[in-house]
């Protein structure tokens, strides 16, 4: 029996994985390392500013040296927002202690179902070159991972999707992409000729949305 889709592409952040309690972890790390009591609202503001910077520059983390520089820039943003003067190397370690990745509850069941159905999967995400280890930390196993740093293309540019399709040996018309951001995931996938669904776990999404990743198993046919 033929399937509707022969391969599935998945975004990482906001789709498969998220950062586990980053505001609380940052506050605790600062308190433990520096004995400074940071208000939770200040930790949230600092971390969100860092996340916005990382999202715009993650493609620059192509190797250990460039990633170290990116981490230093991210740590500097956190320190600036918190008003803390700290050695940059210590700041990077402090930020590192605040970042732990966890998988959404529907991620592994969806991946397990796709493995059982023998449907190849690739992660397509704007991230630095260590994206495979981020997924592993969250307990997820995916054979093909295409990051913006590794491919030199960032969503919504279709190049990153084309790189994933080449890895899977799949034509655009035979693939489905699922992500959480219409501006990047939907626009980029469609520009590459790939069908797309947006994950909206609130269940309030409209057309072309799914409420859980396990719905992919029904979509592939």
N, C-alpha and C. Protein backbone atom coordinates (compact mmCIF):
# COMPACT_ATOMS: atom_id res chain seq x y z
N UNK A 1 0.84 -1.19 0.00
CA UNK A 1 0.00 0.00 0.00
C UNK A 1 0.88 1.25 0.00
N UNK A 2 0.59 2.16 -0.91
CA UNK A 2 1.40 3.38 -0.99
C UNK A 2 1.02 4.33 0.13
N UNK A 3 2.01 5.10 0.55
CA UNK A 3 1.79 6.08 1.61
C UNK A 3 1.61 7.47 1.02
N UNK A 4 0.97 8.31 1.81
CA UNK A 4 0.83 9.70 1.40
C UNK A 4 2.17 10.39 1.45
N UNK A 5 2.98 10.08 2.49
CA UNK A 5 4.31 10.67 2.64
C UNK A 5 5.31 9.54 2.85
N UNK A 6 6.46 9.65 2.21
CA UNK A 6 7.50 8.64 2.32
C UNK A 6 8.60 9.01 3.31
N UNK A 7 8.60 10.27 3.76
CA UNK A 7 9.61 10.73 4.72
C UNK A 7 9.03 11.89 5.52
N UNK A 8 9.57 12.06 6.71
CA UNK A 8 9.10 13.13 7.60
C UNK A 8 10.28 13.97 8.05
N UNK A 9 10.12 15.28 7.96
CA UNK A 9 11.10 16.24 8.46
C UNK A 9 10.51 16.90 9.70
N UNK A 10 11.34 17.09 10.72
CA UNK A 10 10.86 17.64 11.99
C UNK A 10 11.75 18.78 12.46
N UNK A 11 11.15 19.86 12.87
CA UNK A 11 11.86 20.92 13.55
C UNK A 11 12.30 20.41 14.93
N UNK A 12 13.28 21.08 15.54
CA UNK A 12 13.74 20.65 16.86
C UNK A 12 13.09 21.47 17.98
N UNK A 13 13.51 22.73 18.14
CA UNK A 13 13.06 23.54 19.27
C UNK A 13 11.59 23.94 19.11
N UNK A 14 10.82 23.65 20.13
CA UNK A 14 9.40 23.95 20.09
C UNK A 14 8.58 22.86 19.44
N UNK A 15 9.24 21.89 18.83
CA UNK A 15 8.56 20.79 18.17
C UNK A 15 8.92 19.46 18.85
N UNK A 16 10.20 19.12 18.84
CA UNK A 16 10.66 17.90 19.50
C UNK A 16 11.16 18.15 20.92
N UNK A 17 11.91 19.24 21.09
CA UNK A 17 12.55 19.50 22.38
C UNK A 17 12.31 20.93 22.84
N UNK A 18 12.53 21.15 24.13
CA UNK A 18 12.48 22.49 24.71
C UNK A 18 13.55 22.59 25.78
N UNK A 19 13.81 23.80 26.25
CA UNK A 19 14.75 24.00 27.35
C UNK A 19 13.99 23.87 28.66
N UNK A 20 14.49 23.05 29.56
CA UNK A 20 13.77 22.70 30.78
C UNK A 20 13.99 23.75 31.87
N UNK A 21 12.92 24.49 32.22
CA UNK A 21 12.94 25.49 33.31
C UNK A 21 14.17 26.40 33.27
N UNK A 22 14.46 27.07 32.16
CA UNK A 22 15.70 27.84 32.06
C UNK A 22 15.76 29.03 33.02
N UNK A 23 14.63 29.68 33.29
CA UNK A 23 14.64 30.86 34.14
C UNK A 23 14.99 30.47 35.58
N UNK A 24 14.37 29.39 36.04
CA UNK A 24 14.65 28.92 37.40
C UNK A 24 16.08 28.42 37.50
N UNK A 25 16.54 27.69 36.50
CA UNK A 25 17.91 27.16 36.52
C UNK A 25 18.94 28.28 36.50
N UNK A 26 18.69 29.32 35.70
CA UNK A 26 19.62 30.45 35.67
C UNK A 26 19.67 31.14 37.02
N UNK A 27 18.54 31.36 37.62
CA UNK A 27 18.48 31.99 38.94
C UNK A 27 19.24 31.16 39.97
N UNK A 28 19.04 29.85 39.94
CA UNK A 28 19.72 28.97 40.89
C UNK A 28 21.22 28.94 40.64
N UNK A 29 21.63 28.94 39.36
CA UNK A 29 23.06 28.91 39.04
C UNK A 29 23.76 30.17 39.52
N UNK A 30 23.11 31.33 39.34
CA UNK A 30 23.70 32.59 39.80
C UNK A 30 23.80 32.60 41.32
N UNK A 31 22.77 32.12 41.98
CA UNK A 31 22.79 32.10 43.45
C UNK A 31 23.89 31.18 43.97
N UNK A 32 24.05 30.01 43.33
CA UNK A 32 25.06 29.05 43.79
C UNK A 32 26.48 29.52 43.51
N UNK A 33 26.71 30.08 42.31
CA UNK A 33 28.06 30.46 41.92
C UNK A 33 28.50 31.81 42.48
N UNK A 34 27.54 32.73 42.60
CA UNK A 34 27.92 34.11 42.95
C UNK A 34 27.28 34.62 44.24
N UNK A 35 26.41 33.81 44.84
CA UNK A 35 25.68 34.22 46.03
C UNK A 35 24.91 35.52 45.78
N UNK A 36 24.33 35.61 44.57
CA UNK A 36 23.53 36.77 44.19
C UNK A 36 22.10 36.31 43.98
N UNK A 37 21.16 37.02 44.62
CA UNK A 37 19.75 36.67 44.50
C UNK A 37 19.14 37.45 43.34
N UNK A 38 18.89 36.76 42.25
CA UNK A 38 18.32 37.39 41.05
C UNK A 38 16.81 37.15 41.04
N UNK A 39 16.01 38.18 40.91
CA UNK A 39 14.55 37.97 40.79
C UNK A 39 14.23 37.10 39.58
N UNK A 40 13.21 36.29 39.72
CA UNK A 40 12.85 35.38 38.64
C UNK A 40 12.49 36.14 37.37
N UNK A 41 11.83 37.27 37.52
CA UNK A 41 11.47 38.08 36.34
C UNK A 41 12.71 38.58 35.62
N UNK A 42 13.76 38.93 36.36
CA UNK A 42 15.00 39.40 35.75
C UNK A 42 15.71 38.25 35.03
N UNK A 43 15.69 37.07 35.64
CA UNK A 43 16.29 35.90 35.00
C UNK A 43 15.55 35.56 33.71
N UNK A 44 14.24 35.69 33.73
CA UNK A 44 13.45 35.42 32.52
C UNK A 44 13.79 36.41 31.41
N UNK A 45 13.86 37.69 31.76
CA UNK A 45 14.19 38.72 30.77
C UNK A 45 15.57 38.48 30.17
N UNK A 46 16.55 38.13 31.02
CA UNK A 46 17.91 37.91 30.55
C UNK A 46 17.98 36.69 29.64
N UNK A 47 17.32 35.62 30.03
CA UNK A 47 17.40 34.39 29.23
C UNK A 47 16.67 34.54 27.91
N UNK A 48 15.54 35.23 27.90
CA UNK A 48 14.82 35.44 26.65
C UNK A 48 15.63 36.29 25.68
N UNK A 49 16.35 37.27 26.21
CA UNK A 49 17.22 38.09 25.35
C UNK A 49 18.33 37.22 24.76
N UNK A 50 18.89 36.34 25.57
CA UNK A 50 19.92 35.43 25.07
C UNK A 50 19.36 34.49 24.01
N UNK A 51 18.16 34.00 24.22
CA UNK A 51 17.55 33.08 23.27
C UNK A 51 17.30 33.76 21.92
N UNK A 52 16.89 35.02 21.96
CA UNK A 52 16.66 35.75 20.71
C UNK A 52 17.97 35.93 19.95
N UNK A 53 19.02 36.22 20.69
CA UNK A 53 20.33 36.38 20.04
C UNK A 53 20.80 35.05 19.46
N UNK A 54 20.65 33.99 20.24
CA UNK A 54 21.07 32.67 19.75
C UNK A 54 20.30 32.28 18.50
N UNK A 55 19.00 32.54 18.49
CA UNK A 55 18.19 32.18 17.33
C UNK A 55 18.68 32.88 16.06
N UNK A 56 19.13 34.11 16.21
CA UNK A 56 19.61 34.88 15.06
C UNK A 56 21.03 34.52 14.63
N UNK A 57 21.81 33.92 15.54
CA UNK A 57 23.22 33.69 15.26
C UNK A 57 23.66 32.23 15.38
N UNK A 58 22.72 31.31 15.64
CA UNK A 58 23.12 29.92 15.89
C UNK A 58 23.85 29.29 14.72
N UNK A 59 23.57 29.76 13.51
CA UNK A 59 24.24 29.20 12.33
C UNK A 59 25.74 29.48 12.34
N UNK A 60 26.17 30.43 13.18
CA UNK A 60 27.60 30.76 13.26
C UNK A 60 28.38 29.71 14.05
N UNK A 61 27.70 28.88 14.83
CA UNK A 61 28.39 27.86 15.63
C UNK A 61 28.67 26.62 14.83
N UNK A 62 29.65 26.71 13.92
CA UNK A 62 29.93 25.65 12.96
C UNK A 62 30.95 24.62 13.47
N UNK A 63 31.74 25.01 14.48
CA UNK A 63 32.79 24.14 15.00
C UNK A 63 33.10 24.59 16.42
N UNK A 64 33.98 23.86 17.14
CA UNK A 64 34.23 24.22 18.54
C UNK A 64 34.65 25.67 18.74
N UNK A 65 35.53 26.19 17.88
CA UNK A 65 36.00 27.57 18.06
C UNK A 65 34.92 28.60 17.87
N UNK A 66 34.16 28.48 16.79
CA UNK A 66 33.10 29.45 16.53
C UNK A 66 31.96 29.30 17.54
N UNK A 67 31.72 28.08 18.01
CA UNK A 67 30.68 27.88 19.01
C UNK A 67 31.08 28.50 20.35
N UNK A 68 32.36 28.41 20.68
CA UNK A 68 32.85 29.03 21.91
C UNK A 68 32.62 30.54 21.86
N UNK A 69 32.89 31.15 20.71
CA UNK A 69 32.68 32.58 20.56
C UNK A 69 31.19 32.93 20.66
N UNK A 70 30.34 32.10 20.08
CA UNK A 70 28.89 32.33 20.16
C UNK A 70 28.42 32.23 21.60
N UNK A 71 28.89 31.22 22.32
CA UNK A 71 28.51 31.06 23.72
C UNK A 71 28.96 32.26 24.54
N UNK A 72 30.14 32.79 24.25
CA UNK A 72 30.63 33.96 24.98
C UNK A 72 29.73 35.17 24.74
N UNK A 73 29.30 35.35 23.51
CA UNK A 73 28.40 36.46 23.19
C UNK A 73 27.06 36.29 23.90
N UNK A 74 26.55 35.06 23.92
CA UNK A 74 25.28 34.80 24.59
C UNK A 74 25.38 35.05 26.09
N UNK A 75 26.50 34.61 26.69
CA UNK A 75 26.70 34.83 28.12
C UNK A 75 26.81 36.31 28.44
N UNK A 76 27.45 37.06 27.56
CA UNK A 76 27.60 38.51 27.78
C UNK A 76 26.24 39.20 27.81
N UNK A 77 25.32 38.74 27.00
CA UNK A 77 23.98 39.31 26.99
C UNK A 77 23.27 39.05 28.30
N UNK A 78 23.40 37.83 28.81
CA UNK A 78 22.78 37.49 30.09
C UNK A 78 23.35 38.36 31.20
N UNK A 79 24.68 38.49 31.24
CA UNK A 79 25.32 39.29 32.29
C UNK A 79 24.89 40.76 32.21
N UNK A 80 24.79 41.27 30.98
CA UNK A 80 24.40 42.67 30.81
C UNK A 80 22.99 42.91 31.36
N UNK A 81 22.08 41.99 31.07
CA UNK A 81 20.71 42.15 31.54
C UNK A 81 20.60 41.99 33.06
N UNK A 82 21.48 41.16 33.63
CA UNK A 82 21.44 40.96 35.08
C UNK A 82 22.28 41.98 35.83
N UNK A 83 23.08 42.76 35.10
CA UNK A 83 23.95 43.74 35.75
C UNK A 83 25.06 43.12 36.55
N UNK A 84 25.60 41.99 36.05
CA UNK A 84 26.65 41.25 36.77
C UNK A 84 27.96 41.36 36.00
N UNK A 85 29.04 41.66 36.70
CA UNK A 85 30.38 41.71 36.12
C UNK A 85 31.09 40.41 36.45
N UNK A 86 31.39 39.62 35.42
CA UNK A 86 31.95 38.29 35.65
C UNK A 86 32.89 37.94 34.52
N UNK A 87 33.91 37.15 34.83
CA UNK A 87 34.83 36.66 33.81
C UNK A 87 34.05 35.91 32.74
N UNK A 88 34.31 36.19 31.46
CA UNK A 88 33.54 35.58 30.37
C UNK A 88 33.53 34.05 30.41
N UNK A 89 34.67 33.44 30.74
CA UNK A 89 34.71 31.99 30.77
C UNK A 89 33.80 31.42 31.86
N UNK A 90 33.79 32.08 33.01
CA UNK A 90 32.89 31.65 34.08
C UNK A 90 31.44 31.88 33.70
N UNK A 91 31.21 32.96 32.96
CA UNK A 91 29.84 33.26 32.52
C UNK A 91 29.31 32.19 31.58
N UNK A 92 30.16 31.69 30.69
CA UNK A 92 29.75 30.63 29.77
C UNK A 92 29.40 29.37 30.55
N UNK A 93 30.20 29.04 31.54
CA UNK A 93 29.91 27.87 32.37
C UNK A 93 28.61 28.06 33.13
N UNK A 94 28.38 29.28 33.61
CA UNK A 94 27.16 29.59 34.35
C UNK A 94 25.94 29.39 33.46
N UNK A 95 26.02 29.89 32.26
CA UNK A 95 24.90 29.74 31.33
C UNK A 95 24.70 28.28 30.96
N UNK A 96 25.81 27.55 30.79
CA UNK A 96 25.72 26.14 30.45
C UNK A 96 24.98 25.34 31.51
N UNK A 97 25.18 25.69 32.78
CA UNK A 97 24.49 25.00 33.87
C UNK A 97 22.98 25.27 33.83
N UNK A 98 22.58 26.32 33.14
CA UNK A 98 21.17 26.70 33.11
C UNK A 98 20.41 26.03 31.98
N UNK A 99 21.10 25.38 31.06
CA UNK A 99 20.46 24.84 29.87
C UNK A 99 20.45 23.32 29.90
N UNK A 100 19.26 22.78 30.01
CA UNK A 100 19.05 21.33 29.93
C UNK A 100 17.88 21.10 28.98
N UNK A 101 18.04 20.16 28.07
CA UNK A 101 17.01 19.93 27.08
C UNK A 101 16.13 18.74 27.48
N UNK A 102 14.86 18.87 27.23
CA UNK A 102 13.94 17.76 27.45
C UNK A 102 13.01 17.63 26.25
N UNK A 103 12.57 16.41 26.03
CA UNK A 103 11.67 16.14 24.91
C UNK A 103 10.23 16.38 25.34
N UNK A 104 9.43 16.85 24.39
CA UNK A 104 7.99 16.90 24.63
C UNK A 104 7.46 15.48 24.77
N UNK A 105 6.37 15.34 25.51
CA UNK A 105 5.85 14.00 25.81
C UNK A 105 5.44 13.22 24.56
N UNK A 106 5.05 13.93 23.51
CA UNK A 106 4.61 13.24 22.30
C UNK A 106 5.74 12.97 21.31
N UNK A 107 6.96 13.41 21.63
CA UNK A 107 8.06 13.28 20.67
C UNK A 107 8.51 11.84 20.47
N UNK A 108 8.86 11.15 21.55
CA UNK A 108 9.35 9.78 21.41
C UNK A 108 8.28 8.83 20.88
N UNK A 109 7.01 8.91 21.34
CA UNK A 109 6.00 8.04 20.74
C UNK A 109 5.85 8.25 19.23
N UNK A 110 5.95 9.50 18.78
CA UNK A 110 5.86 9.77 17.34
C UNK A 110 7.05 9.18 16.61
N UNK A 111 8.25 9.38 17.14
CA UNK A 111 9.44 8.84 16.51
C UNK A 111 9.43 7.32 16.50
N UNK A 112 8.97 6.72 17.60
CA UNK A 112 8.90 5.26 17.67
C UNK A 112 7.92 4.72 16.63
N UNK A 113 6.80 5.42 16.47
CA UNK A 113 5.83 4.99 15.48
C UNK A 113 6.35 5.09 14.06
N UNK A 114 7.11 6.14 13.79
CA UNK A 114 7.71 6.31 12.46
C UNK A 114 8.77 5.25 12.20
N UNK A 115 9.55 4.92 13.24
CA UNK A 115 10.53 3.84 13.09
C UNK A 115 9.84 2.52 12.79
N UNK A 116 8.76 2.25 13.52
CA UNK A 116 8.04 1.00 13.32
C UNK A 116 7.43 0.93 11.92
N UNK A 117 7.03 2.08 11.39
CA UNK A 117 6.46 2.13 10.04
C UNK A 117 7.54 2.21 8.97
N UNK A 118 8.81 2.26 9.41
CA UNK A 118 9.96 2.34 8.50
C UNK A 118 9.90 3.59 7.62
N UNK A 119 9.48 4.68 8.23
CA UNK A 119 9.46 5.98 7.56
C UNK A 119 10.70 6.75 7.99
N UNK A 120 11.58 7.11 7.07
CA UNK A 120 12.80 7.85 7.45
C UNK A 120 12.46 9.25 7.95
N UNK A 121 13.26 9.70 8.92
CA UNK A 121 13.03 10.98 9.59
C UNK A 121 14.32 11.78 9.59
N UNK A 122 14.19 13.08 9.36
CA UNK A 122 15.33 14.00 9.51
C UNK A 122 14.89 15.20 10.33
N UNK A 123 15.73 15.62 11.23
CA UNK A 123 15.49 16.86 11.97
C UNK A 123 16.06 18.01 11.16
N UNK A 124 15.26 19.04 10.97
CA UNK A 124 15.65 20.22 10.20
C UNK A 124 15.45 21.43 11.09
N UNK A 125 16.54 22.03 11.56
CA UNK A 125 16.39 23.07 12.58
C UNK A 125 17.50 24.10 12.51
N UNK A 126 17.14 25.34 12.81
CA UNK A 126 18.13 26.39 12.98
C UNK A 126 18.81 26.17 14.33
N UNK A 127 20.07 25.78 14.30
CA UNK A 127 20.81 25.44 15.52
C UNK A 127 22.29 25.35 15.19
N UNK A 128 23.11 25.33 16.24
CA UNK A 128 24.54 25.16 16.03
C UNK A 128 24.85 23.69 15.74
N UNK A 129 26.13 23.41 15.51
CA UNK A 129 26.50 22.07 15.02
C UNK A 129 26.33 20.97 16.07
N UNK A 130 26.09 21.33 17.33
CA UNK A 130 25.92 20.32 18.37
C UNK A 130 24.47 19.87 18.52
N UNK A 131 23.62 20.20 17.56
CA UNK A 131 22.21 19.79 17.65
C UNK A 131 22.04 18.29 17.90
N UNK A 132 22.81 17.40 17.28
CA UNK A 132 22.63 15.97 17.60
C UNK A 132 22.78 15.66 19.09
N UNK A 133 23.73 16.31 19.76
CA UNK A 133 23.91 16.04 21.19
C UNK A 133 22.78 16.64 22.02
N UNK A 134 22.18 17.74 21.55
CA UNK A 134 21.01 18.30 22.25
C UNK A 134 19.86 17.29 22.22
N UNK A 135 19.64 16.69 21.06
CA UNK A 135 18.58 15.70 20.94
C UNK A 135 18.88 14.48 21.81
N UNK A 136 20.12 14.06 21.83
CA UNK A 136 20.51 12.91 22.66
C UNK A 136 20.30 13.21 24.14
N UNK A 137 20.64 14.45 24.56
CA UNK A 137 20.44 14.82 25.96
C UNK A 137 18.97 14.73 26.33
N UNK A 138 18.10 15.03 25.38
CA UNK A 138 16.66 14.95 25.61
C UNK A 138 16.13 13.52 25.48
N UNK A 139 17.01 12.58 25.14
CA UNK A 139 16.62 11.18 25.05
C UNK A 139 16.02 10.77 23.73
N UNK A 140 16.30 11.55 22.66
CA UNK A 140 15.74 11.26 21.35
C UNK A 140 16.81 10.76 20.40
N UNK A 141 16.45 9.76 19.61
CA UNK A 141 17.36 9.20 18.61
C UNK A 141 16.80 9.46 17.21
N UNK A 142 17.56 10.20 16.42
CA UNK A 142 17.17 10.49 15.05
C UNK A 142 18.41 10.27 14.17
N UNK A 143 18.24 9.53 13.08
CA UNK A 143 19.39 9.16 12.24
C UNK A 143 19.96 10.33 11.46
N UNK A 144 19.11 11.24 11.01
CA UNK A 144 19.57 12.35 10.17
C UNK A 144 19.23 13.68 10.85
N UNK A 145 20.25 14.51 11.02
CA UNK A 145 20.06 15.82 11.65
C UNK A 145 20.71 16.88 10.77
N UNK A 146 19.91 17.83 10.32
CA UNK A 146 20.39 18.92 9.47
C UNK A 146 20.21 20.24 10.21
N UNK A 147 21.29 20.79 10.73
CA UNK A 147 21.24 22.08 11.41
C UNK A 147 21.63 23.19 10.44
N UNK A 148 21.25 24.41 10.79
CA UNK A 148 21.62 25.54 9.94
C UNK A 148 23.14 25.72 9.93
N UNK A 149 23.79 25.42 11.05
CA UNK A 149 25.25 25.56 11.11
C UNK A 149 25.93 24.55 10.19
N UNK A 150 25.42 23.33 10.17
CA UNK A 150 26.05 22.28 9.36
C UNK A 150 25.76 22.43 7.88
N UNK A 151 24.58 22.93 7.53
CA UNK A 151 24.20 23.02 6.12
C UNK A 151 24.52 24.37 5.50
N UNK A 152 24.72 25.41 6.34
CA UNK A 152 24.95 26.75 5.82
C UNK A 152 23.68 27.42 5.33
N UNK A 153 22.54 26.88 5.71
CA UNK A 153 21.25 27.43 5.30
C UNK A 153 20.33 27.48 6.51
N UNK A 154 19.66 28.62 6.70
CA UNK A 154 18.77 28.79 7.84
C UNK A 154 17.33 28.93 7.37
N UNK A 155 16.40 28.25 8.03
CA UNK A 155 14.99 28.46 7.73
C UNK A 155 14.64 29.94 7.90
N UNK A 156 13.83 30.49 7.01
CA UNK A 156 12.98 29.84 6.01
C UNK A 156 13.63 29.60 4.64
N UNK A 157 14.94 29.74 4.53
CA UNK A 157 15.59 29.42 3.25
C UNK A 157 15.34 27.95 2.92
N UNK A 158 14.94 27.64 1.70
CA UNK A 158 14.63 26.25 1.37
C UNK A 158 15.85 25.33 1.34
N UNK A 159 17.06 25.91 1.34
CA UNK A 159 18.27 25.09 1.22
C UNK A 159 18.41 24.05 2.31
N UNK A 160 18.03 24.38 3.53
CA UNK A 160 18.18 23.42 4.63
C UNK A 160 17.23 22.24 4.45
N UNK A 161 16.05 22.51 3.88
CA UNK A 161 15.11 21.42 3.59
C UNK A 161 15.63 20.56 2.44
N UNK A 162 16.21 21.20 1.45
CA UNK A 162 16.76 20.46 0.33
C UNK A 162 17.91 19.56 0.77
N UNK A 163 18.71 20.04 1.73
CA UNK A 163 19.80 19.22 2.26
C UNK A 163 19.25 17.99 2.97
N UNK A 164 18.17 18.16 3.72
CA UNK A 164 17.56 17.02 4.41
C UNK A 164 16.97 16.03 3.42
N UNK A 165 16.31 16.52 2.39
CA UNK A 165 15.74 15.63 1.38
C UNK A 165 16.82 14.83 0.67
N UNK A 166 17.96 15.49 0.42
CA UNK A 166 19.08 14.79 -0.22
C UNK A 166 19.61 13.68 0.68
N UNK A 167 19.69 13.95 1.99
CA UNK A 167 20.14 12.93 2.94
C UNK A 167 19.20 11.73 2.94
N UNK A 168 17.91 11.99 2.84
CA UNK A 168 16.92 10.92 2.89
C UNK A 168 16.69 10.26 1.53
N UNK A 169 17.14 10.92 0.46
CA UNK A 169 16.89 10.40 -0.87
C UNK A 169 15.42 10.46 -1.24
N UNK A 170 14.75 11.55 -0.81
CA UNK A 170 13.31 11.71 -1.01
C UNK A 170 13.01 12.95 -1.83
N UNK A 171 12.05 12.84 -2.71
CA UNK A 171 11.59 14.00 -3.47
C UNK A 171 10.72 14.89 -2.59
N UNK A 172 10.69 16.19 -2.85
CA UNK A 172 9.89 17.11 -2.03
C UNK A 172 8.43 16.69 -1.92
N UNK A 173 7.85 16.21 -3.01
CA UNK A 173 6.43 15.85 -3.02
C UNK A 173 6.13 14.65 -2.13
N UNK A 174 7.17 13.91 -1.73
CA UNK A 174 6.97 12.73 -0.89
C UNK A 174 7.27 12.96 0.57
N UNK A 175 7.48 14.23 0.97
CA UNK A 175 7.88 14.52 2.35
C UNK A 175 6.86 15.41 3.05
N UNK A 176 6.81 15.27 4.36
CA UNK A 176 6.01 16.13 5.23
C UNK A 176 6.94 16.76 6.25
N UNK A 177 6.82 18.07 6.44
CA UNK A 177 7.59 18.75 7.48
C UNK A 177 6.64 19.21 8.57
N UNK A 178 7.07 19.05 9.83
CA UNK A 178 6.31 19.53 10.98
C UNK A 178 7.19 20.43 11.82
N UNK A 179 6.70 21.64 12.10
CA UNK A 179 7.42 22.59 12.94
C UNK A 179 6.43 23.45 13.69
N UNK A 180 6.95 24.36 14.50
CA UNK A 180 6.06 25.18 15.34
C UNK A 180 5.96 26.63 14.90
N UNK A 181 6.70 27.03 13.87
CA UNK A 181 6.76 28.44 13.49
C UNK A 181 6.33 28.64 12.05
N UNK A 182 5.18 29.23 11.81
CA UNK A 182 4.74 29.44 10.43
C UNK A 182 5.73 30.24 9.59
N UNK A 183 6.33 31.28 10.17
CA UNK A 183 7.22 32.13 9.38
C UNK A 183 8.46 31.40 8.91
N UNK A 184 8.96 30.47 9.70
CA UNK A 184 10.17 29.73 9.32
C UNK A 184 9.85 28.36 8.75
N UNK A 185 9.06 27.59 9.49
CA UNK A 185 8.80 26.21 9.09
C UNK A 185 7.87 26.12 7.89
N UNK A 186 6.73 26.78 7.97
CA UNK A 186 5.76 26.68 6.88
C UNK A 186 6.30 27.32 5.61
N UNK A 187 6.81 28.55 5.72
CA UNK A 187 7.29 29.25 4.53
C UNK A 187 8.48 28.53 3.91
N UNK A 188 9.41 28.06 4.74
CA UNK A 188 10.59 27.38 4.23
C UNK A 188 10.27 26.06 3.56
N UNK A 189 9.42 25.27 4.21
CA UNK A 189 9.07 23.97 3.65
C UNK A 189 8.34 24.13 2.32
N UNK A 190 7.40 25.04 2.28
CA UNK A 190 6.64 25.23 1.04
C UNK A 190 7.54 25.76 -0.08
N UNK A 191 8.50 26.60 0.28
CA UNK A 191 9.43 27.09 -0.74
C UNK A 191 10.26 25.96 -1.32
N UNK A 192 10.45 24.89 -0.53
CA UNK A 192 11.20 23.72 -1.01
C UNK A 192 10.28 22.68 -1.66
N UNK A 193 8.99 22.97 -1.73
CA UNK A 193 8.05 22.04 -2.33
C UNK A 193 7.58 20.94 -1.41
N UNK A 194 7.74 21.15 -0.09
CA UNK A 194 7.40 20.14 0.90
C UNK A 194 6.09 20.51 1.60
N UNK A 195 5.21 19.55 1.78
CA UNK A 195 3.98 19.77 2.53
C UNK A 195 4.33 20.01 4.00
N UNK A 196 3.47 20.72 4.72
CA UNK A 196 3.81 21.12 6.08
C UNK A 196 2.59 21.11 6.99
N UNK A 197 2.84 20.81 8.26
CA UNK A 197 1.86 20.99 9.32
C UNK A 197 2.55 21.74 10.46
N UNK A 198 1.79 22.59 11.12
CA UNK A 198 2.31 23.33 12.26
C UNK A 198 1.80 22.66 13.54
N UNK A 199 2.71 22.38 14.46
CA UNK A 199 2.33 21.79 15.74
C UNK A 199 1.84 22.88 16.68
N UNK A 200 0.62 22.74 17.16
CA UNK A 200 0.02 23.68 18.10
C UNK A 200 -0.62 22.85 19.20
N UNK A 201 0.13 22.61 20.28
CA UNK A 201 -0.33 21.72 21.34
C UNK A 201 -1.48 22.29 22.15
N UNK A 202 -1.80 23.56 21.95
CA UNK A 202 -2.96 24.13 22.63
C UNK A 202 -4.26 23.61 22.03
N UNK A 203 -4.17 23.09 20.81
CA UNK A 203 -5.36 22.59 20.15
C UNK A 203 -6.24 23.66 19.55
N UNK A 204 -5.76 24.89 19.58
CA UNK A 204 -6.57 26.01 19.09
C UNK A 204 -6.19 26.44 17.67
N UNK A 205 -5.28 25.69 17.04
CA UNK A 205 -4.83 26.05 15.70
C UNK A 205 -5.89 25.81 14.65
N UNK A 206 -5.69 26.41 13.51
CA UNK A 206 -6.64 26.27 12.42
C UNK A 206 -6.22 25.20 11.45
N UNK A 207 -6.45 25.47 10.18
CA UNK A 207 -6.09 24.50 9.14
C UNK A 207 -4.59 24.28 9.09
N UNK A 208 -4.21 23.10 8.66
CA UNK A 208 -2.79 22.73 8.53
C UNK A 208 -2.05 22.74 9.85
N UNK A 209 -2.76 22.48 10.96
CA UNK A 209 -2.10 22.34 12.26
C UNK A 209 -2.43 20.97 12.84
N UNK A 210 -1.55 20.51 13.73
CA UNK A 210 -1.81 19.30 14.49
C UNK A 210 -1.60 19.62 15.96
N UNK A 211 -2.29 18.89 16.83
CA UNK A 211 -2.21 19.16 18.26
C UNK A 211 -1.20 18.27 18.97
N UNK A 212 -0.72 17.23 18.29
CA UNK A 212 0.27 16.32 18.87
C UNK A 212 1.08 15.69 17.75
N UNK A 213 2.35 15.42 18.02
CA UNK A 213 3.21 14.83 17.00
C UNK A 213 2.75 13.44 16.59
N UNK A 214 2.06 12.75 17.46
CA UNK A 214 1.57 11.41 17.12
C UNK A 214 0.55 11.45 15.99
N UNK A 215 -0.02 12.60 15.71
CA UNK A 215 -0.96 12.71 14.58
C UNK A 215 -0.24 12.50 13.24
N UNK A 216 1.08 12.64 13.25
CA UNK A 216 1.84 12.37 12.02
C UNK A 216 1.61 10.96 11.54
N UNK A 217 1.44 10.02 12.48
CA UNK A 217 1.28 8.62 12.11
C UNK A 217 0.00 8.39 11.30
N UNK A 218 -0.99 9.22 11.56
CA UNK A 218 -2.22 9.13 10.78
C UNK A 218 -2.04 9.81 9.43
N UNK A 219 -1.26 10.89 9.40
CA UNK A 219 -1.09 11.64 8.17
C UNK A 219 -0.31 10.88 7.10
N UNK A 220 0.65 10.06 7.54
CA UNK A 220 1.48 9.39 6.54
C UNK A 220 0.71 8.33 5.77
N UNK A 221 -0.41 7.84 6.35
CA UNK A 221 -1.23 6.87 5.64
C UNK A 221 -0.67 5.46 5.70
